[in-house]
Protein backbone atom coordinates (compact mmCIF):
# COMPACT_ATOMS: atom_id res chain seq x y z
CA MET A 1 -23.17 133.64 130.22
CA GLY A 2 -22.15 130.01 130.54
CA ARG A 3 -25.52 128.95 131.92
CA ALA A 4 -27.41 130.85 129.21
CA LEU A 5 -25.39 129.30 126.38
CA SER A 6 -25.59 125.82 127.87
CA ALA A 7 -29.36 126.16 128.07
CA ASP A 8 -29.44 127.23 124.39
CA LEU A 9 -31.65 130.24 125.14
CA PHE A 10 -30.52 132.53 122.32
CA GLU A 11 -30.40 132.56 118.56
CA GLU A 12 -27.39 133.57 116.48
CA TYR A 13 -27.10 137.17 115.32
CA THR A 14 -24.11 139.26 114.22
CA PRO A 15 -24.84 143.00 114.38
CA PRO A 16 -22.86 145.09 111.87
CA ALA A 17 -21.30 147.19 114.66
CA LEU A 18 -19.71 144.09 116.21
CA ALA A 19 -16.76 144.74 113.90
CA ARG A 20 -15.94 147.77 116.08
CA VAL A 21 -15.97 145.79 119.36
CA PRO A 22 -12.56 144.51 120.52
CA LYS A 23 -12.05 140.77 120.07
CA THR A 24 -11.16 140.48 123.77
CA LEU A 25 -14.80 141.28 124.63
CA GLN A 26 -16.28 138.84 122.11
CA LEU A 27 -16.37 135.76 124.32
CA ASP A 28 -19.08 133.89 122.40
CA PRO A 29 -17.77 132.47 119.10
CA THR A 30 -21.28 131.23 118.25
CA ARG A 31 -22.47 134.84 117.98
CA ARG A 32 -25.49 134.28 120.22
CA LEU A 33 -24.42 136.89 122.79
CA THR A 34 -23.21 140.37 121.85
CA PRO A 35 -20.98 142.40 124.23
CA VAL A 36 -22.46 145.78 125.14
CA ASP A 37 -20.26 147.13 127.95
CA TYR A 38 -17.58 146.12 130.45
CA GLY A 39 -16.03 147.15 133.76
CA ASP A 40 -13.40 145.88 136.16
CA VAL A 41 -14.55 144.59 139.55
CA CYS A 42 -11.87 145.43 142.10
CA LEU A 43 -11.17 146.77 145.57
CA ASN A 44 -12.09 150.39 146.27
CA VAL A 45 -10.69 152.32 149.23
CA ASP A 46 -11.73 155.35 151.27
CA LYS A 47 -8.70 157.64 150.88
CA ALA A 48 -9.55 159.93 153.80
CA TRP A 49 -9.94 157.02 156.24
CA PHE A 50 -6.48 155.70 155.46
CA ALA A 51 -4.93 159.18 155.67
CA GLN A 52 -6.57 159.79 159.06
CA HIS A 53 -5.33 156.44 160.40
CA HIS A 54 -1.82 156.82 158.96
CA LEU A 55 -2.10 153.50 157.18
CA ALA A 56 -1.26 152.88 153.53
CA PRO A 57 -4.20 151.59 151.47
CA PRO A 58 -3.89 147.96 150.38
CA ALA A 59 -1.73 147.61 147.28
CA ASP A 60 -3.09 144.24 146.20
CA LEU A 61 -5.08 141.21 147.34
CA ASP A 62 -2.26 139.95 149.56
CA ALA A 63 -2.64 143.00 151.81
CA LEU A 64 -6.16 142.01 152.87
CA ILE A 65 -4.87 139.12 154.97
CA ASP A 66 -2.28 141.30 156.71
CA PRO A 67 -3.23 141.81 160.41
CA ARG A 68 -2.94 145.59 159.92
CA TYR A 69 -6.06 145.40 157.74
CA LYS A 70 -8.11 143.22 160.07
CA GLY A 71 -11.80 144.13 160.08
CA LEU A 72 -11.44 146.68 157.28
CA THR A 73 -12.84 144.83 154.26
CA VAL A 74 -16.39 144.20 153.01
CA VAL A 75 -17.10 141.86 150.09
CA GLN A 76 -20.28 140.46 148.51
CA ASN A 77 -21.52 136.89 148.61
CA PRO A 78 -20.71 135.27 145.22
CA ALA A 79 -23.90 133.20 145.40
CA THR A 80 -26.12 136.31 145.51
CA SER A 81 -24.07 139.09 143.88
CA SER A 82 -22.43 139.41 140.46
CA PRO A 83 -19.61 141.66 141.79
CA GLY A 84 -19.18 139.11 144.59
CA LEU A 85 -18.80 136.32 142.04
CA ALA A 86 -16.42 138.43 139.97
CA PHE A 87 -14.24 139.04 143.02
CA LEU A 88 -14.23 135.33 143.86
CA LEU A 89 -13.09 134.66 140.28
CA ALA A 90 -10.35 137.28 140.70
CA THR A 91 -9.01 135.37 143.69
CA ILE A 92 -9.17 132.08 141.80
CA GLY A 93 -7.29 133.61 138.88
CA ARG A 94 -4.73 135.11 141.27
CA TYR A 95 -4.15 132.17 143.64
CA GLY A 96 -5.25 129.25 141.47
CA GLU A 97 -7.43 126.23 142.19
CA ASP A 98 -4.99 125.08 144.85
CA GLY A 99 -4.68 128.38 146.68
CA TYR A 100 -7.91 130.38 146.59
CA ALA A 101 -9.63 128.50 149.45
CA ALA A 102 -6.62 129.00 151.70
CA TYR A 103 -6.65 132.72 150.83
CA TRP A 104 -10.32 133.02 151.78
CA ARG A 105 -9.70 131.10 154.99
CA GLN A 106 -7.10 133.72 155.94
CA LEU A 107 -9.44 136.50 154.86
CA ARG A 108 -12.15 135.13 157.14
CA ALA A 109 -9.63 134.98 160.00
CA ASN A 110 -8.88 138.65 159.28
CA ASP A 111 -12.57 139.49 159.93
CA VAL A 112 -13.87 140.07 156.39
CA TYR A 113 -17.53 141.16 156.29
CA VAL A 114 -19.81 139.50 153.72
CA SER A 115 -22.80 141.43 152.34
CA MET A 116 -25.56 139.89 150.26
CA GLY A 117 -25.19 142.50 147.52
CA TRP A 118 -23.31 145.53 146.24
CA SER A 119 -25.75 148.15 147.59
CA ASP A 120 -25.47 146.99 151.20
CA ALA A 121 -21.69 146.71 150.90
CA TYR A 122 -21.12 150.13 149.31
CA TYR A 123 -23.92 152.20 150.84
CA GLY A 124 -24.13 150.36 154.16
CA GLN A 125 -20.80 148.92 155.31
CA PHE A 126 -18.26 151.05 153.39
CA SER A 127 -16.84 153.87 155.51
CA ARG A 128 -17.89 156.45 152.90
CA ALA A 129 -21.52 155.62 153.78
CA LYS A 130 -23.27 157.05 156.84
CA GLY A 131 -22.62 154.62 159.66
CA GLY A 132 -20.23 152.50 157.59
CA THR A 133 -16.98 151.44 159.24
CA ARG A 134 -15.02 149.49 156.63
CA PRO A 135 -12.72 151.48 154.30
CA ILE A 136 -12.15 148.65 151.78
CA VAL A 137 -15.02 147.47 149.57
CA VAL A 138 -15.43 145.40 146.42
CA SER A 139 -16.82 147.66 143.70
CA TYR A 140 -15.80 148.84 140.22
CA ALA A 141 -12.79 150.66 138.83
CA SER A 142 -15.24 153.30 137.60
CA SER A 143 -16.77 153.89 141.05
CA PRO A 144 -14.40 156.82 141.84
CA ALA A 145 -15.89 158.65 138.84
CA ALA A 146 -19.40 158.15 140.22
CA GLU A 147 -18.26 159.58 143.57
CA VAL A 148 -17.21 162.80 141.81
CA PHE A 149 -20.29 162.98 139.58
CA TYR A 150 -22.82 162.51 142.40
CA SER A 151 -21.03 164.60 145.02
CA GLU A 152 -23.32 167.19 146.63
CA LYS A 153 -20.47 169.72 146.52
CA LYS A 154 -18.32 170.19 143.42
CA ILE A 155 -15.06 168.28 143.88
CA PHE A 156 -12.09 167.81 141.60
CA ASP A 157 -10.59 164.69 143.14
CA SER A 158 -12.40 161.48 144.00
CA PRO A 159 -12.57 160.55 147.71
CA THR A 160 -12.12 156.91 146.72
CA ALA A 161 -9.54 155.01 144.69
CA ALA A 162 -9.54 151.70 142.84
CA VAL A 163 -6.85 149.09 143.55
CA LEU A 164 -5.64 147.92 140.14
CA ALA A 165 -2.37 146.10 140.68
CA PRO A 166 -1.84 143.20 138.25
CA ARG A 167 -4.26 140.29 138.78
CA THR A 168 -6.38 142.02 141.43
CA ALA A 169 -9.43 142.82 139.28
CA PHE A 170 -11.84 140.75 137.19
CA ARG A 171 -13.19 142.11 133.90
CA GLN A 172 -16.98 141.85 133.90
CA ILE A 173 -18.60 141.98 130.45
CA GLU A 174 -22.33 142.48 129.90
CA PHE A 175 -24.06 140.97 126.86
CA VAL A 176 -27.37 141.11 125.00
CA GLY A 177 -28.99 138.22 123.14
CA ILE A 178 -32.12 137.44 121.14
CA LEU A 179 -34.32 134.82 122.79
CA LYS A 180 -35.08 131.77 120.70
CA GLY A 181 -38.71 131.57 119.64
CA THR A 182 -39.32 135.32 119.74
CA LYS A 183 -42.32 136.41 117.66
CA MET A 184 -40.56 139.70 116.84
CA PRO A 185 -37.11 138.72 115.49
CA ASP A 186 -36.72 141.85 113.34
CA VAL A 187 -37.47 144.16 116.25
CA ALA A 188 -35.10 142.17 118.47
CA ARG A 189 -32.27 142.57 115.94
CA ARG A 190 -32.96 146.30 115.73
CA LEU A 191 -32.72 146.52 119.52
CA VAL A 192 -29.34 144.75 119.53
CA ASP A 193 -28.18 147.11 116.77
CA PHE A 194 -29.36 150.09 118.82
CA MET A 195 -27.44 148.92 121.89
CA LEU A 196 -24.23 149.09 119.83
CA SER A 197 -25.18 152.43 118.25
CA GLU A 198 -23.35 155.65 119.01
CA THR A 199 -26.42 157.02 120.83
CA PHE A 200 -26.68 154.12 123.25
CA GLN A 201 -22.96 153.54 123.71
CA GLN A 202 -22.31 157.19 124.61
CA ASP A 203 -25.09 156.97 127.20
CA ILE A 204 -23.56 153.99 129.02
CA PRO A 205 -20.86 155.65 131.21
CA LEU A 206 -23.06 158.10 133.12
CA ASN A 207 -26.02 155.72 133.43
CA MET A 208 -24.44 152.32 134.02
CA TRP A 209 -21.00 153.44 135.24
CA VAL A 210 -19.11 151.01 133.05
CA PHE A 211 -17.25 151.35 129.74
CA PRO A 212 -18.94 151.12 126.31
CA ALA A 213 -17.96 148.09 124.26
CA VAL A 214 -17.66 149.86 120.91
CA GLU A 215 -14.11 151.06 120.40
CA GLY A 216 -13.63 154.79 119.98
CA THR A 217 -16.84 155.80 121.78
CA PRO A 218 -16.23 159.28 123.30
CA LEU A 219 -16.17 159.27 127.10
CA PRO A 220 -17.37 162.09 129.39
CA GLU A 221 -14.66 164.06 131.17
CA VAL A 222 -15.48 162.62 134.61
CA PHE A 223 -14.75 159.18 133.13
CA THR A 224 -11.49 160.12 131.45
CA ARG A 225 -10.29 161.73 134.69
CA HIS A 226 -11.55 159.35 137.36
CA ALA A 227 -12.65 155.99 135.87
CA HIS A 228 -9.96 153.41 135.23
CA GLN A 229 -9.32 150.06 133.64
CA ALA A 230 -7.03 147.34 134.93
CA ALA A 231 -3.92 146.91 132.79
CA ALA A 232 -3.70 143.22 133.74
CA PRO A 233 -7.10 141.96 134.95
CA VAL A 234 -7.81 138.32 135.76
CA LEU A 235 -9.30 136.61 132.71
CA LEU A 236 -10.91 133.18 132.95
CA ASP A 237 -12.33 131.20 130.05
CA PRO A 238 -16.18 131.22 130.16
CA GLN A 239 -16.29 127.45 129.72
CA THR A 240 -13.98 127.02 132.69
CA ILE A 241 -16.25 129.23 134.79
CA GLU A 242 -19.35 127.33 133.64
CA ALA A 243 -17.78 123.97 134.48
CA ASN A 244 -16.56 124.97 137.94
CA ARG A 245 -18.72 127.87 139.18
CA ASP A 246 -21.04 125.90 141.43
CA ARG A 247 -18.19 123.95 142.99
CA TRP A 248 -16.18 127.12 143.55
CA ILE A 249 -19.14 128.82 145.24
CA ASP A 250 -19.81 125.76 147.40
CA THR A 251 -16.17 125.72 148.51
CA TRP A 252 -16.29 129.45 149.24
CA THR A 253 -19.49 129.00 151.28
CA GLU A 254 -17.94 126.18 153.28
CA VAL A 255 -14.77 128.17 153.99
CA VAL A 256 -16.22 131.63 154.64
CA LEU A 257 -19.74 131.19 156.01
CA ARG A 258 -19.70 127.88 157.89
């Protein structure tokens, strides 16, 4: 978002339905980017693995550096993965500019595994995947609902759980914008309007596995039962992220990969 606004890629537009989107999701006061959906990036755990090993799942980020959890966690590289970047931002919000590098240094010492992207982490390294060995993965607070929905056998309880203690998750918001110089401005505005319409917003949960931005949008039962939102997620100002993102990623790379 910060890079797109700094590059002045979009033109201003205020769709009528924006009035029904919570102010907390409206991060662009210039009205060039419109929030469409959101989800919390957080730790997910394999409940059966922890039950079988008689170990309590991690309660928060601090637990990941405990020796009892050595070699159990897989994260994504923040330079190549948006959930990976969101999780890095969660640690910065939790431990601050002065503490996040030290936290990652301890996490590396505790044998964290770094994947290039979400798919390899969740479907390759996570213990719920065939051949996966790590029961802690960075994913979304709505991932347990997807586990139930896509299960080959009908199940009533998700085999995974999201870790949503205060300041352990980062709220990821997705936006839409109209490119400057478009030759079809009217059609572009209609598309933005459609993305905030009841039809589109109701389709978001079971297709994108995140929450619709328009307040009051009905949610499917699998979402109301198994998808969650963090009560106290990490929130960082977009301008702060834009000003520091590259430096934060460089520091992370130096600490974790080199």
